[in-house]
Amino acid sequence: MRRLAAVLGLDGPAVTVAAACGSSGYALAVARAWLDAGRVDACVAGGCDVLSPTTIAA
C-alpha cells in the first residue's frame, strides 16, 4: 500500500489488510472507522482476490 500511496501522491497511513475472504470488507470497515474517528479526511480502500495454489484448512 505504501507504494500505491506514493504513486498516487497520497500522505497518511497506508496498510494492507489480510483477512482471507473478508479482506476487502474489513478494509472498508477500517476506512470507515478512521473517517468516523477523524483520523483521516479521506480514504482509498479496496480489495482483490488471489487464488492460492495451496489450500489451508484448520
Protein backbone atom coordinates (compact mmCIF):
# COMPACT_ATOMS: atom_id res chain seq x y z
CA MET A 1 0.00 0.00 0.00
CA ARG A 2 2.89 2.37 0.66
CA ARG A 3 3.96 2.09 -2.97
CA LEU A 4 0.45 2.78 -4.27
CA ALA A 5 0.13 5.75 -1.93
CA ALA A 6 3.46 7.11 -3.18
CA VAL A 7 2.45 6.67 -6.84
CA LEU A 8 -0.84 8.48 -6.20
CA GLY A 9 0.88 11.19 -4.17
CA LEU A 10 -1.11 10.36 -1.04
CA ASP A 11 0.04 11.07 2.50
CA GLY A 12 -1.10 9.35 5.67
CA PRO A 13 -1.49 5.80 6.91
CA ALA A 14 -1.11 3.02 4.35
CA VAL A 15 -1.92 -0.50 5.48
CA THR A 16 -2.51 -3.91 3.97
CA VAL A 17 -5.39 -5.89 5.44
CA ALA A 18 -5.11 -9.68 5.23
CA ALA A 19 -8.23 -11.47 6.47
CA ALA A 20 -8.80 -14.15 3.81
CA CYS A 21 -12.17 -13.80 2.07
CA GLY A 22 -13.16 -10.93 4.35
CA SER A 23 -10.20 -8.69 3.47
CA SER A 24 -11.99 -6.17 1.25
CA GLY A 25 -14.93 -5.84 3.64
CA TYR A 26 -12.56 -5.42 6.57
CA ALA A 27 -10.54 -2.81 4.64
CA LEU A 28 -13.75 -0.84 4.05
CA ALA A 29 -14.69 -1.15 7.73
CA VAL A 30 -11.26 0.14 8.81
CA ALA A 31 -11.54 3.06 6.38
CA ARG A 32 -14.99 3.92 7.72
CA ALA A 33 -13.80 3.71 11.33
CA TRP A 34 -10.85 6.02 10.59
CA LEU A 35 -13.16 8.51 8.86
CA ASP A 36 -15.68 8.42 11.72
CA ALA A 37 -12.92 8.88 14.31
CA GLY A 38 -11.46 11.84 12.43
CA ARG A 39 -8.13 10.08 11.98
CA VAL A 40 -8.22 10.81 8.23
CA ASP A 41 -10.12 13.19 5.94
CA ALA A 42 -10.43 10.71 3.06
CA CYS A 43 -9.59 7.06 2.35
CA VAL A 44 -8.82 4.85 -0.60
CA ALA A 45 -9.90 1.29 0.23
CA GLY A 46 -10.45 -1.83 -1.81
CA GLY A 47 -9.63 -5.46 -2.21
CA CYS A 48 -8.66 -8.21 -4.57
CA ASP A 49 -8.58 -11.97 -4.56
CA VAL A 50 -5.54 -14.02 -5.46
CA LEU A 51 -6.15 -17.73 -5.68
CA SER A 52 -3.56 -19.69 -3.78
CA PRO A 53 -2.32 -22.96 -5.27
CA THR A 54 -2.27 -24.30 -1.72
CA THR A 55 -5.44 -24.80 0.29
CA ILE A 56 -5.04 -24.33 4.01
CA ALA A 57 -7.55 -25.95 6.34
CA ALA A 58 -7.63 -25.69 10.10
